[in-house]
Structure formats: C-alpha cells, structure tokens
C-alpha cells in the first residue's frame, strides 16, 4: 500500500466517522470499486480505528477526566454504559449475521438511502421540537437508551452511526448540539469494541506479523486521527446552524449511484466462502 493511498483512506475514515454519512459505507464502496483485498487491509482498518479513538479522547479530554474523578456525581459514564448495552447485545446475539453484512455489498445502496431518510427526519423533528418549545439540553436514561438502540441500527452497512444516534437523541427531544456531543462520546466505547473485535480477528489471521506497510499504516492512522479531531470540532460548531438535509442529499445521491452500479454489475459482493454464507444464513432462519 502506498503512503498516498493510506493517507487518502485515513482522510475518508476520519472525515466520515463523525460526519453523518457512514464511514463503513464509504470504505466498503471504495473497497468494491477498487477491488481492495479486505484481508490485506485488516491491520490497516484496526489502526484507523485507533486514530479516530485518539480524536475522541482529545476533543472530550476534560469530560473524560471529570467522569474518572467523579464517577458518581457525573452521570455521563453511567449513561454511556446504558447507551452501549444494546449494541453489545446485538453483537453477541447476531455476531455471525453482522459479520456477513459487513462483508456483503447487497444492502450498501439501500442503507445509504436509509441514512438519508434518517437525516431528513432528524432535521424535521429538530425544527418541530424548537417550534413547540419541547427541547431539553440534558441527557437522561431514556435518551441514552434510545440512542443506544439506534446505534445498533448504525451497525448495518452504510447506515451512519452518528446520524442514527443523533436521530435517536432528537426524537427523544434532545437539542441537536447535545445529541451530537453525546453521540460522539458514545463512539468511544463503540470504537474500542470495534478495535478489540477487529484486533482479535487480525491476531487470528496473523495480520500483526505483516509489517511491510508499517509506514503507510502509521500515516493512515495519524491522518484519520487529525481529520477525525477536525470533523468532531466542525460538527459541534455547525450542527445547529446547517440543515442536515444537505448531508441527506449527499448520501441519497451516493445511494442511488451505488444501486445503479450494482445493477450494472460494477459493484458486486466480495468472494465469500460457502461455509461463511451458510453459517450466517442459518442464524437468520
């Protein structure tokens, strides 16, 4: 892998992880278009998550310190735990199915369109809450639980995790800025979980013994971290000033483009072993 290509993928990861446009969807799309080897990219993907993890830690470092020093007085740690339970349960109960969906491009275009719908609904609900003076500015157990459930929806391919969780917050009457901040903080346990899960897969696959692209991997990780930091700052600054319909328009266009490319046979599913497909389908039946 070239350093330039690694930097480009790091930029995509850092940018789309926190903008409501789906980082996994964009990386899957690039992988499908350029026929990138997913096994070869396993270690690289792990390190990209480490880069975005660093971005979340740095942006909210004061909040993390307060949570650690005052775990009882500060309820955010408990709320983050509550918000993480639905996704953890989904991962335990539907691990094989989720792994299959992550490597399948069948729902790629449709899920981009679904993300667009969620963003349009979020914009409408936000304006409605303001008009009816129903907004709240403090995250409670109910908000955390609903946002956690929506985070499980964000586990589908090309469904934005940040977009779905912000929708969950706004749907429960949180203002957009508060919902966005909690959504980004929710990404810490989500990214750690993904890092550990992919790290275990990488260890079993022997990815950590492959160090030929070490410089490119480090460059991609650093770029993902820096761009991720800027993306979080950008979203927190403009979340109440810009219409989410612009992001919705973008992902709808991407979704329609993907569907056209799927119909033309340009985007297809990556090769899957019969055992993987059978195992995944057996769990669905």
Protein backbone atom coordinates (compact mmCIF):
# COMPACT_ATOMS: atom_id res chain seq x y z
CA UNK A 1 0.00 0.00 0.00
CA UNK A 2 1.36 3.40 -0.95
CA UNK A 3 1.65 6.18 1.61
CA UNK A 4 -0.56 8.44 -0.51
CA UNK A 5 -3.33 5.83 -0.69
CA UNK A 6 -3.06 5.18 3.05
CA UNK A 7 -3.37 8.91 3.75
CA UNK A 8 -6.43 9.10 1.49
CA UNK A 9 -8.16 6.21 3.29
CA UNK A 10 -7.24 7.78 6.63
CA UNK A 11 -8.82 11.04 5.47
CA UNK A 12 -12.02 9.21 4.44
CA UNK A 13 -12.17 7.36 7.77
CA UNK A 14 -11.56 10.45 9.90
CA UNK A 15 -13.97 12.59 7.91
CA UNK A 16 -16.88 10.16 7.61
CA UNK A 17 -16.61 8.61 11.09
CA UNK A 18 -18.09 11.75 12.66
CA UNK A 19 -19.97 13.35 9.78
CA UNK A 20 -23.38 11.64 9.43
CA UNK A 21 -22.55 9.94 6.12
CA UNK A 22 -21.26 6.47 7.23
CA UNK A 23 -17.55 5.73 7.33
CA UNK A 24 -18.08 1.97 6.91
CA UNK A 25 -20.23 2.62 3.83
CA UNK A 26 -17.59 4.79 2.19
CA UNK A 27 -14.77 2.34 2.93
CA UNK A 28 -16.89 -0.56 1.61
CA UNK A 29 -17.67 1.45 -1.51
CA UNK A 30 -14.00 2.19 -2.14
CA UNK A 31 -13.11 -1.43 -1.49
CA UNK A 32 -15.73 -2.59 -4.00
CA UNK A 33 -14.76 -0.06 -6.69
CA UNK A 34 -11.01 -0.63 -6.45
CA UNK A 35 -11.18 -4.36 -5.61
CA UNK A 36 -9.14 -3.92 -2.48
CA UNK A 37 -8.22 -7.09 -0.55
CA UNK A 38 -10.04 -7.00 2.79
CA UNK A 39 -7.62 -9.48 4.41
CA UNK A 40 -4.68 -7.28 3.43
CA UNK A 41 -6.43 -4.23 4.91
CA UNK A 42 -7.32 -5.89 8.23
CA UNK A 43 -4.41 -4.45 10.23
CA UNK A 44 -4.82 -1.10 8.46
CA UNK A 45 -8.51 -0.90 9.46
CA UNK A 46 -7.60 -1.71 13.05
CA UNK A 47 -5.11 1.16 13.17
CA UNK A 48 -7.58 3.57 11.53
CA UNK A 49 -9.95 2.91 14.43
CA UNK A 50 -7.09 3.64 16.82
CA UNK A 51 -6.61 7.01 15.11
CA UNK A 52 -10.26 8.03 15.45
CA UNK A 53 -10.23 6.76 19.04
CA UNK A 54 -7.47 9.25 19.79
CA UNK A 55 -9.56 12.04 18.26
CA UNK A 56 -12.49 11.35 20.61
CA UNK A 57 -10.18 11.20 23.62
CA UNK A 58 -8.53 14.54 22.79
CA UNK A 59 -11.69 16.52 21.94
CA UNK A 60 -13.50 15.50 25.12
CA UNK A 61 -10.50 15.11 27.44
CA UNK A 62 -11.99 17.38 30.10
CA UNK A 63 -15.20 15.33 30.13
CA UNK A 64 -13.28 12.05 30.45
CA UNK A 65 -11.26 13.41 33.37
CA UNK A 66 -14.40 14.61 35.14
CA UNK A 67 -16.02 11.20 34.67
CA UNK A 68 -12.98 9.41 36.08
CA UNK A 69 -12.55 11.77 39.05
CA UNK A 70 -16.27 11.97 39.87
CA UNK A 71 -17.88 8.73 38.63
CA UNK A 72 -20.89 9.04 40.96
CA UNK A 73 -21.56 12.76 40.73
CA UNK A 74 -21.03 12.78 36.98
CA UNK A 75 -23.68 10.51 35.44
CA UNK A 76 -22.22 10.55 31.93
CA UNK A 77 -20.21 7.37 32.49
CA UNK A 78 -23.37 5.50 33.55
CA UNK A 79 -25.30 6.93 30.60
CA UNK A 80 -22.57 5.84 28.18
CA UNK A 81 -22.73 2.34 29.65
CA UNK A 82 -26.52 2.26 29.20
CA UNK A 83 -26.16 3.53 25.63
CA UNK A 84 -23.60 0.81 24.83
CA UNK A 85 -25.68 -2.15 26.07
CA UNK A 86 -27.99 -2.52 23.02
CA UNK A 87 -25.09 -2.64 20.54
CA UNK A 88 -23.18 -5.07 22.75
CA UNK A 89 -26.24 -7.32 23.00
CA UNK A 90 -26.74 -7.18 19.22
CA UNK A 91 -23.10 -8.08 18.65
CA UNK A 92 -23.31 -11.08 21.00
CA UNK A 93 -26.66 -12.35 19.68
CA UNK A 94 -26.14 -11.67 15.96
CA UNK A 95 -22.36 -11.78 15.57
CA UNK A 96 -22.30 -14.04 12.50
CA UNK A 97 -25.06 -12.14 10.74
CA UNK A 98 -23.42 -8.77 11.38
CA UNK A 99 -20.05 -10.10 10.18
CA UNK A 100 -21.74 -11.29 7.00
CA UNK A 101 -23.48 -7.95 6.42
CA UNK A 102 -20.19 -6.08 6.99
CA UNK A 103 -18.58 -8.01 4.13
CA UNK A 104 -21.62 -8.02 1.82
CA UNK A 105 -22.45 -5.14 -0.51
CA UNK A 106 -26.04 -6.24 -1.11
CA UNK A 107 -27.57 -3.57 1.15
CA UNK A 108 -24.94 -0.91 0.52
CA UNK A 109 -27.03 1.40 -1.67
CA UNK A 110 -30.30 0.85 0.20
CA UNK A 111 -28.69 1.64 3.55
CA UNK A 112 -27.22 4.88 2.19
CA UNK A 113 -30.78 5.86 1.22
CA UNK A 114 -31.99 4.89 4.69
CA UNK A 115 -29.34 7.15 6.24
CA UNK A 116 -30.64 9.99 4.10
CA UNK A 117 -34.17 9.35 5.37
CA UNK A 118 -32.97 9.39 9.00
CA UNK A 119 -31.19 12.71 8.47
CA UNK A 120 -34.25 14.31 6.89
CA UNK A 121 -36.41 13.09 9.78
CA UNK A 122 -33.86 14.44 12.25
CA UNK A 123 -33.98 17.88 10.62
CA UNK A 124 -37.80 17.88 10.66
CA UNK A 125 -38.04 16.69 14.29
CA UNK A 126 -35.45 19.23 15.41
CA UNK A 127 -37.39 22.14 13.90
CA UNK A 128 -40.62 20.75 15.34
CA UNK A 129 -39.12 20.49 18.84
CA UNK A 130 -37.92 24.09 18.65
CA UNK A 131 -41.27 25.32 17.37
CA UNK A 132 -43.15 23.57 20.19
CA UNK A 133 -40.52 24.57 22.77
CA UNK A 134 -40.01 20.90 23.71
CA UNK A 135 -36.22 20.72 23.56
CA UNK A 136 -34.19 19.51 26.53
CA UNK A 137 -30.47 20.11 26.99
CA UNK A 138 -29.54 17.31 29.39
CA UNK A 139 -29.10 13.64 28.52
CA UNK A 140 -31.11 11.24 30.68
CA UNK A 141 -31.51 7.48 30.88
CA UNK A 142 -34.32 7.44 28.29
CA UNK A 143 -32.28 9.46 25.80
CA UNK A 144 -29.24 7.23 26.30
CA UNK A 145 -31.27 4.06 25.86
CA UNK A 146 -32.97 5.21 22.65
CA UNK A 147 -29.69 6.48 21.22
CA UNK A 148 -28.14 3.13 22.14
CA UNK A 149 -30.88 1.26 20.27
CA UNK A 150 -30.32 3.50 17.26
CA UNK A 151 -26.61 2.73 17.47
CA UNK A 152 -27.47 -0.90 16.73
CA UNK A 153 -29.21 0.32 13.57
CA UNK A 154 -25.95 2.11 12.73
CA UNK A 155 -24.21 -1.29 12.70
CA UNK A 156 -25.82 -2.02 9.33
CA UNK A 157 -23.58 -1.36 6.31
CA UNK A 158 -23.61 2.28 5.15
CA UNK A 159 -26.01 3.38 7.89
CA UNK A 160 -24.31 6.28 9.66
CA UNK A 161 -23.67 5.56 13.36
CA UNK A 162 -23.55 9.26 14.23
CA UNK A 163 -26.57 10.01 12.04
CA UNK A 164 -28.70 7.27 13.59
CA UNK A 165 -27.74 8.12 17.19
CA UNK A 166 -28.32 11.86 16.69
CA UNK A 167 -31.72 10.95 15.27
CA UNK A 168 -32.41 8.94 18.44
CA UNK A 169 -31.47 11.92 20.59
CA UNK A 170 -33.55 14.43 18.66
CA UNK A 171 -36.50 12.02 18.54
CA UNK A 172 -36.46 12.00 22.36
CA UNK A 173 -36.47 15.83 22.42
CA UNK A 174 -32.73 16.48 22.90
CA UNK A 175 -31.43 19.56 21.11
CA UNK A 176 -29.13 18.79 18.19
CA UNK A 177 -25.93 20.03 19.83
CA UNK A 178 -26.45 17.95 22.99
CA UNK A 179 -27.42 14.90 20.93
CA UNK A 180 -24.34 15.32 18.71
CA UNK A 181 -21.95 15.66 21.66
CA UNK A 182 -23.34 12.57 23.39
CA UNK A 183 -23.30 10.70 20.07
CA UNK A 184 -19.61 11.46 19.61
CA UNK A 185 -18.86 10.42 23.19
CA UNK A 186 -20.80 7.20 22.56
CA UNK A 187 -18.39 6.50 19.75
CA UNK A 188 -15.57 5.88 22.26
CA UNK A 189 -16.89 2.53 23.59
CA UNK A 190 -18.13 1.70 20.07
CA UNK A 191 -14.69 2.30 18.55
CA UNK A 192 -12.97 0.43 21.39
CA UNK A 193 -15.33 -2.51 20.82
CA UNK A 194 -14.64 -2.46 17.09
CA UNK A 195 -10.90 -2.12 17.74
CA UNK A 196 -10.89 -5.15 20.06
CA UNK A 197 -13.12 -7.21 17.75
CA UNK A 198 -11.08 -6.48 14.63
CA UNK A 199 -7.89 -6.82 16.65
CA UNK A 200 -8.86 -10.35 17.68
CA UNK A 201 -9.69 -11.22 14.07
CA UNK A 202 -6.40 -9.72 13.00
CA UNK A 203 -4.50 -11.73 15.59
CA UNK A 204 -6.14 -14.97 14.44
CA UNK A 205 -5.43 -14.10 10.81
CA UNK A 206 -1.79 -13.26 11.57
CA UNK A 207 -2.21 -9.64 10.47
CA UNK A 208 0.12 -8.34 13.17
CA UNK A 209 3.02 -10.26 11.68
CA UNK A 210 2.60 -8.31 8.42
CA UNK A 211 4.68 -5.16 8.80
CA UNK A 212 5.64 -4.45 5.21
CA UNK A 213 3.34 -1.44 5.07
CA UNK A 214 4.20 -0.13 8.53
CA UNK A 215 4.96 3.44 7.41
CA UNK A 216 1.78 3.64 5.32
CA UNK A 217 -0.27 2.24 8.21
CA UNK A 218 1.10 4.83 10.64
CA UNK A 219 0.44 7.63 8.14
CA UNK A 220 -3.15 6.46 7.66
CA UNK A 221 -3.69 6.25 11.42
CA UNK A 222 -2.32 9.76 12.04
CA UNK A 223 -4.37 11.26 9.20
CA UNK A 224 -7.52 9.53 10.50
CA UNK A 225 -6.86 10.94 13.97
CA UNK A 226 -6.19 14.51 12.83
CA UNK A 227 -9.11 14.63 10.40
CA UNK A 228 -11.35 12.94 12.97
CA UNK A 229 -10.46 15.64 15.51
CA UNK A 230 -11.29 18.39 12.99
CA UNK A 231 -14.52 16.63 11.97
CA UNK A 232 -15.80 16.49 15.55
CA UNK A 233 -14.96 20.16 16.10
CA UNK A 234 -16.59 21.09 12.81
CA UNK A 235 -19.81 19.16 13.51
CA UNK A 236 -20.18 20.56 17.02
CA UNK A 237 -19.76 24.07 15.62
CA UNK A 238 -22.20 23.82 12.71
CA UNK A 239 -24.71 21.22 13.92
CA UNK A 240 -27.25 23.89 14.94
CA UNK A 241 -26.50 26.22 12.03
CA UNK A 242 -26.72 23.96 9.00
CA UNK A 243 -29.60 21.89 7.70
CA UNK A 244 -28.99 18.16 7.94
CA UNK A 245 -30.84 17.89 4.63
CA UNK A 246 -27.56 18.74 2.87
CA UNK A 247 -25.95 15.62 4.35
CA UNK A 248 -29.12 13.71 3.48
CA UNK A 249 -28.92 14.86 -0.14
CA UNK A 250 -25.29 13.72 -0.34
CA UNK A 251 -25.93 10.17 0.97
CA UNK A 252 -29.07 9.81 -1.17
CA UNK A 253 -27.03 10.64 -4.28
CA UNK A 254 -24.35 8.16 -3.19
CA UNK A 255 -27.03 5.54 -2.50
CA UNK A 256 -28.65 5.94 -5.91
CA UNK A 257 -25.24 5.81 -7.58
CA UNK A 258 -24.37 2.59 -5.74
CA UNK A 259 -27.68 0.98 -6.76
CA UNK A 260 -27.05 1.90 -10.41
CA UNK A 261 -23.53 0.43 -10.21
CA UNK A 262 -24.94 -2.71 -8.59
CA UNK A 263 -27.48 -3.11 -11.39
CA UNK A 264 -24.69 -2.66 -13.94
CA UNK A 265 -22.63 -5.31 -12.17
CA UNK A 266 -19.77 -2.94 -11.37
CA UNK A 267 -20.29 -3.33 -7.62
CA UNK A 268 -20.71 -6.93 -6.53
CA UNK A 269 -20.30 -8.89 -3.33
CA UNK A 270 -16.73 -9.86 -2.45
CA UNK A 271 -15.97 -13.59 -2.66
CA UNK A 272 -17.43 -15.43 0.32
CA UNK A 273 -16.78 -18.98 1.33
CA UNK A 274 -19.78 -21.30 1.28
CA UNK A 275 -19.27 -22.01 4.98
CA UNK A 276 -19.46 -18.28 5.87
CA UNK A 277 -22.67 -17.71 3.92
CA UNK A 278 -24.28 -20.90 5.22
CA UNK A 279 -23.36 -20.07 8.81
CA UNK A 280 -24.77 -16.56 8.50
CA UNK A 281 -28.00 -17.64 6.80
CA UNK A 282 -28.58 -20.47 9.27
CA UNK A 283 -28.61 -17.95 12.09
CA UNK A 284 -31.21 -15.86 10.28
CA UNK A 285 -33.60 -18.81 9.81
